[in-house]
């Protein structure tokens, strides 16, 4: 007489152990630490996320490409300014608006503060780095505010965009620079949000340091570019 029933061991063939779903054996790492056939690592979690972030070379390359394009644009504007002012009889230069002196000091101070933020993060002092990033953010906002007040002073004195070639270039050059500073302020906001949970996370902190390095380079470039524009507009005649 044939045995039609199945034994307990036969019933369990093909059934995943309790607490584990089908497909768990193809993903994740086995006891030997190797990946499963589907290429997904079990428990990779946060480590896998940070492993996918851009390398330091990509951060630097991307930032240098961006800075090169900005430099080309301001070089073209500078050439146009020099040519126009060189043969202009209607160009009437004006004195430096007082608020521009204040905004210049603010952007110079912001370069020191963001550099301190970068060095603090390198030492592993996340809280000090965040404080200095926040100080840099405030200084950047103060710089943009000083630019707007300087424009208001000029408007109050009857100097507008189309008043003369010098005023036209002043508004265009400082306006374009201010827009790029706002881009740097957005970068600072990003850093502040992304460095809020780095305490004790050495891998995450290393990734964020690369972003801080890139934003610091951008900010120093904006600082140097402003000094150049200041000298061009008010000391070169």
Protein backbone atom coordinates (compact mmCIF):
# COMPACT_ATOMS: atom_id res chain seq x y z
CA UNK A 1 0.00 0.00 0.00
CA UNK A 2 1.49 3.33 -1.13
CA UNK A 3 2.20 6.02 1.34
CA UNK A 4 0.44 9.17 0.19
CA UNK A 5 1.24 11.49 3.08
CA UNK A 6 4.29 13.66 3.31
CA UNK A 7 6.68 13.83 6.16
CA UNK A 8 7.36 16.97 8.15
CA UNK A 9 10.76 17.42 6.53
CA UNK A 10 9.25 17.14 3.06
CA UNK A 11 6.68 19.84 3.83
CA UNK A 12 9.35 22.28 4.82
CA UNK A 13 11.33 21.87 1.59
CA UNK A 14 11.26 25.17 -0.33
CA UNK A 15 9.78 27.04 2.62
CA UNK A 16 11.82 29.90 4.06
CA UNK A 17 12.62 29.71 7.76
CA UNK A 18 10.36 31.62 10.10
CA UNK A 19 10.95 35.36 10.14
CA UNK A 20 12.54 35.42 6.69
CA UNK A 21 10.77 36.15 3.42
CA UNK A 22 11.38 34.54 0.08
CA UNK A 23 14.11 36.27 -1.84
CA UNK A 24 16.19 37.02 1.27
CA UNK A 25 18.68 34.37 0.23
CA UNK A 26 19.44 36.07 -3.09
CA UNK A 27 20.09 39.48 -1.58
CA UNK A 28 22.31 40.54 1.24
CA UNK A 29 25.56 39.06 2.45
CA UNK A 30 25.94 35.50 3.53
CA UNK A 31 27.95 34.31 6.51
CA UNK A 32 31.11 34.63 4.44
CA UNK A 33 30.40 38.34 3.87
CA UNK A 34 29.86 38.02 0.12
CA UNK A 35 27.06 39.69 -1.79
CA UNK A 36 24.10 37.78 -3.07
CA UNK A 37 23.46 37.25 -6.81
CA UNK A 38 21.22 40.30 -7.07
CA UNK A 39 24.08 42.56 -6.01
CA UNK A 40 22.33 43.98 -2.97
CA UNK A 41 24.08 43.94 0.31
CA UNK A 42 22.29 42.98 3.47
CA UNK A 43 22.79 45.57 6.16
CA UNK A 44 24.60 47.90 3.73
CA UNK A 45 22.22 50.68 4.69
CA UNK A 46 23.99 53.92 5.44
CA UNK A 47 27.44 52.67 4.44
CA UNK A 48 26.19 51.88 0.94
CA UNK A 49 24.55 55.32 0.71
CA UNK A 50 27.74 57.17 1.52
CA UNK A 51 29.80 54.89 -0.74
CA UNK A 52 27.77 56.18 -3.69
CA UNK A 53 28.60 59.83 -3.00
CA UNK A 54 30.93 61.68 -5.42
CA UNK A 55 34.65 61.20 -4.92
CA UNK A 56 36.85 64.13 -3.83
CA UNK A 57 38.13 64.38 -7.41
CA UNK A 58 34.58 64.82 -8.73
CA UNK A 59 33.82 67.47 -6.14
CA UNK A 60 36.91 69.43 -7.08
CA UNK A 61 36.50 68.96 -10.81
CA UNK A 62 32.85 70.02 -10.72
CA UNK A 63 33.66 73.12 -8.70
CA UNK A 64 36.59 74.12 -10.92
CA UNK A 65 34.43 73.77 -14.02
CA UNK A 66 31.78 76.00 -12.43
CA UNK A 67 34.36 78.58 -11.39
CA UNK A 68 35.94 78.56 -14.85
CA UNK A 69 32.59 79.39 -16.45
CA UNK A 70 31.99 82.21 -13.95
CA UNK A 71 35.50 83.56 -14.57
CA UNK A 72 34.95 83.57 -18.32
CA UNK A 73 31.73 85.53 -17.93
CA UNK A 74 33.30 88.20 -15.72
CA UNK A 75 36.35 88.37 -17.99
CA UNK A 76 34.06 89.17 -20.92
CA UNK A 77 32.24 91.83 -18.89
CA UNK A 78 35.56 93.31 -17.79
CA UNK A 79 36.78 93.54 -21.38
CA UNK A 80 33.56 95.28 -22.40
CA UNK A 81 33.90 97.69 -19.47
CA UNK A 82 37.50 98.61 -20.29
CA UNK A 83 36.74 99.16 -23.98
CA UNK A 84 33.63 101.21 -23.26
CA UNK A 85 35.22 103.34 -20.57
CA UNK A 86 38.38 103.88 -22.60
CA UNK A 87 36.65 105.80 -25.32
CA UNK A 88 33.72 107.26 -23.42
CA UNK A 89 33.31 110.97 -22.95
CA UNK A 90 30.02 110.55 -21.14
CA UNK A 91 31.27 108.22 -18.43
CA UNK A 92 31.00 109.88 -15.04
CA UNK A 93 32.49 107.88 -12.22
CA UNK A 94 31.01 108.33 -8.76
CA UNK A 95 32.42 107.93 -5.28
CA UNK A 96 32.19 104.63 -3.44
CA UNK A 97 28.81 104.34 -1.70
CA UNK A 98 29.49 104.10 2.07
CA UNK A 99 27.60 100.81 2.37
CA UNK A 100 30.03 99.18 -0.06
CA UNK A 101 32.86 99.62 2.41
CA UNK A 102 30.81 97.79 5.04
CA UNK A 103 29.82 94.99 2.68
CA UNK A 104 33.46 94.57 1.63
CA UNK A 105 34.49 94.07 5.25
CA UNK A 106 31.68 91.55 5.70
CA UNK A 107 32.70 89.37 2.78
CA UNK A 108 36.34 89.47 3.88
CA UNK A 109 35.30 88.34 7.36
CA UNK A 110 33.16 85.58 5.85
CA UNK A 111 36.21 84.05 4.16
CA UNK A 112 37.87 83.71 7.56
CA UNK A 113 34.78 82.21 9.15
CA UNK A 114 34.20 79.59 6.45
CA UNK A 115 37.86 78.62 6.58
CA UNK A 116 37.54 78.09 10.33
CA UNK A 117 34.44 75.98 9.69
CA UNK A 118 36.37 73.77 7.31
CA UNK A 119 39.30 73.34 9.69
CA UNK A 120 36.96 72.58 12.61
CA UNK A 121 35.28 69.81 10.62
CA UNK A 122 38.69 68.38 9.73
CA UNK A 123 39.46 68.16 13.44
CA UNK A 124 36.15 66.40 14.02
CA UNK A 125 34.56 69.31 15.88
CA UNK A 126 31.19 69.24 14.15
CA UNK A 127 29.47 71.73 16.44
CA UNK A 128 32.20 74.36 16.02
CA UNK A 129 32.06 73.83 12.27
CA UNK A 130 28.30 74.36 12.23
CA UNK A 131 28.63 77.54 14.28
CA UNK A 132 31.15 79.01 11.88
CA UNK A 133 29.07 77.99 8.87
CA UNK A 134 26.15 79.82 10.42
CA UNK A 135 28.34 82.89 11.02
CA UNK A 136 29.41 82.74 7.37
CA UNK A 137 25.78 82.55 6.33
CA UNK A 138 24.93 85.67 8.33
CA UNK A 139 27.93 87.54 6.92
CA UNK A 140 26.93 86.55 3.40
CA UNK A 141 23.41 87.81 3.95
CA UNK A 142 24.86 91.01 5.39
CA UNK A 143 27.00 91.44 2.29
CA UNK A 144 23.98 91.09 -0.03
CA UNK A 145 22.02 93.49 2.19
CA UNK A 146 24.88 96.00 2.01
CA UNK A 147 24.82 95.78 -1.79
CA UNK A 148 21.10 96.52 -1.89
CA UNK A 149 21.56 99.49 0.44
CA UNK A 150 24.38 100.79 -1.74
CA UNK A 151 22.08 100.61 -4.76
CA UNK A 152 19.46 102.50 -2.78
CA UNK A 153 22.00 105.19 -1.96
CA UNK A 154 22.86 105.60 -5.63
CA UNK A 155 19.21 105.76 -6.65
CA UNK A 156 18.68 108.41 -3.98
CA UNK A 157 21.53 110.39 -5.54
CA UNK A 158 19.94 110.13 -8.99
CA UNK A 159 22.37 107.52 -10.34
CA UNK A 160 20.50 104.83 -12.27
CA UNK A 161 21.33 101.91 -14.52
CA UNK A 162 21.15 104.04 -17.66
CA UNK A 163 22.59 107.24 -16.23
CA UNK A 164 26.01 106.70 -17.81
CA UNK A 165 28.33 103.83 -18.86
CA UNK A 166 30.02 103.63 -15.48
CA UNK A 167 26.77 103.30 -13.56
CA UNK A 168 25.49 100.74 -16.05
CA UNK A 169 28.51 98.49 -15.57
CA UNK A 170 28.41 99.03 -11.82
CA UNK A 171 24.85 97.73 -11.54
CA UNK A 172 25.47 94.83 -13.94
CA UNK A 173 28.75 93.67 -12.40
CA UNK A 174 27.68 93.98 -8.78
CA UNK A 175 24.29 92.47 -9.58
CA UNK A 176 25.82 89.40 -11.25
CA UNK A 177 28.25 89.00 -8.37
CA UNK A 178 25.41 89.29 -5.85
CA UNK A 179 23.47 86.52 -7.62
CA UNK A 180 26.48 84.22 -7.40
CA UNK A 181 26.88 85.05 -3.70
CA UNK A 182 23.25 84.00 -3.24
CA UNK A 183 24.22 80.69 -4.84
CA UNK A 184 26.94 80.34 -2.22
CA UNK A 185 24.40 81.12 0.52
CA UNK A 186 22.25 78.25 -0.76
CA UNK A 187 25.33 76.04 -0.54
CA UNK A 188 25.85 77.11 3.08
CA UNK A 189 22.24 76.24 3.89
CA UNK A 190 22.78 72.81 2.35
CA UNK A 191 25.89 72.25 4.48
CA UNK A 192 24.10 73.29 7.65
CA UNK A 193 21.27 70.84 6.96
CA UNK A 194 23.58 67.98 6.04
CA UNK A 195 26.01 68.41 8.93
CA UNK A 196 23.32 68.34 11.62
CA UNK A 197 23.73 64.59 12.28
CA UNK A 198 27.44 63.97 11.88
CA UNK A 199 28.45 63.56 15.51
CA UNK A 200 30.23 60.22 15.81
CA UNK A 201 29.77 59.38 12.12
CA UNK A 202 33.32 59.38 10.79
CA UNK A 203 32.39 58.09 7.34
CA UNK A 204 29.60 60.60 6.91
CA UNK A 205 31.82 63.38 8.22
CA UNK A 206 34.47 62.53 5.60
CA UNK A 207 31.87 62.80 2.87
CA UNK A 208 30.57 66.13 4.17
CA UNK A 209 34.11 67.48 4.43
CA UNK A 210 34.40 67.14 0.68
CA UNK A 211 31.27 69.23 0.22
CA UNK A 212 32.57 71.81 2.72
CA UNK A 213 35.85 72.00 0.81
CA UNK A 214 33.99 72.66 -2.43
CA UNK A 215 31.75 75.37 -0.96
CA UNK A 216 34.76 76.96 0.78
CA UNK A 217 36.61 77.15 -2.54
CA UNK A 218 33.56 78.75 -4.15
CA UNK A 219 33.21 81.26 -1.31
CA UNK A 220 36.87 82.29 -1.44
CA UNK A 221 36.49 82.77 -5.18
CA UNK A 222 33.49 85.07 -4.63
CA UNK A 223 35.52 87.02 -2.08
CA UNK A 224 38.45 87.47 -4.44
CA UNK A 225 36.14 88.33 -7.32
CA UNK A 226 34.50 91.09 -5.28
CA UNK A 227 37.84 92.66 -4.39
CA UNK A 228 38.74 92.60 -8.07
CA UNK A 229 35.45 94.25 -9.07
CA UNK A 230 35.81 96.85 -6.34
CA UNK A 231 39.25 97.83 -7.59
CA UNK A 232 38.11 97.78 -11.21
CA UNK A 233 35.08 100.01 -10.66
CA UNK A 234 36.51 102.56 -8.26
CA UNK A 235 40.29 102.57 -8.47
CA UNK A 236 40.77 102.04 -12.18
CA UNK A 237 39.95 105.08 -14.29
